[in-house]
Amino acid sequence: ITERMLRLKAIVLGVHLVSTGPVSLTLFFGRNTFSVSTEELLAYPFTDVTLSCHFSFVKDTENLEFSWIREDIKELVYQFRNNTEQLEGQNSLYEGRVSVDRAEISEGSLSLLLRNVCFMDEAIYTCSAVTPNGRGESKIKLIVEDSEMPQVHFDRLDDEDVAMCISKGWYFTPNVTWLDRAERDLSNHSTVEVLEEQMNGSYRVFSVLKYRVKLNEKYVCRITETDV
């Protein structure tokens, strides 16, 4: 959308367009500010993620009301009003898994910490806030990946060059595939070991490729969850 088109839309809506950008739009309604933004966030299963939300008109918790809503089912994820959390009506999927750092509210941050991400969490979330100084809305799309391609590092092991990768995500049944520049499957020449284990039985792993590794060659390490 061009800046000219946005200004035309603002005229039709009867508002004054203050600023535009690739992911945000800020409008003034009289004395109040209404901010809308959208972004995407990638996460891996069984990790903790922060859904960002920030408004410049939020200065403290007095007379502040804000909430996080999951768009596809229109249900409450988190709510704050009357200077305290209000979790009645919270969707059961998020019970005990979400929180907002009150110490950061005075800086305008209403970001939501979501713990132990699962595939069912993938959705668009809306953060809405209202104060005497303004109101705003911010949307974020959470995408839960069932695979990743971590960065490949070179090292020396037993006097030979090797390629290594470490998973960021957690997996119940991780499958590691190694490919070279020609997309030949070198996985049979690799090893996979557990780096960390969680109480729920999921793992972070690291893998080592030993097949005639050349430092000027391109290698791809792909880790997938085979038990999805």
Foldseek 3Di string as FASTA:
>chain_A
DDPVVVCVVCVVVVWHWDDDDPFKGWTDDDQAIEIEGEEEDEAEAQAKDKAWDFDQQQQAQVQKWKFKAFPVVRFGQWIDDPNGTDCVRHDPVNVPFKDADRVCRNVRIRIIMGGRDDQVPFGKMKMWMDHPRYIYIYIYTYHYDQKDWFDWDWDADPNAIKIKGKDPHWEQAKDKWKAWPVRDTQPVQKDKDFDDADPVRITIIMMIHRDRDDPPIDMIIMIGHPVD
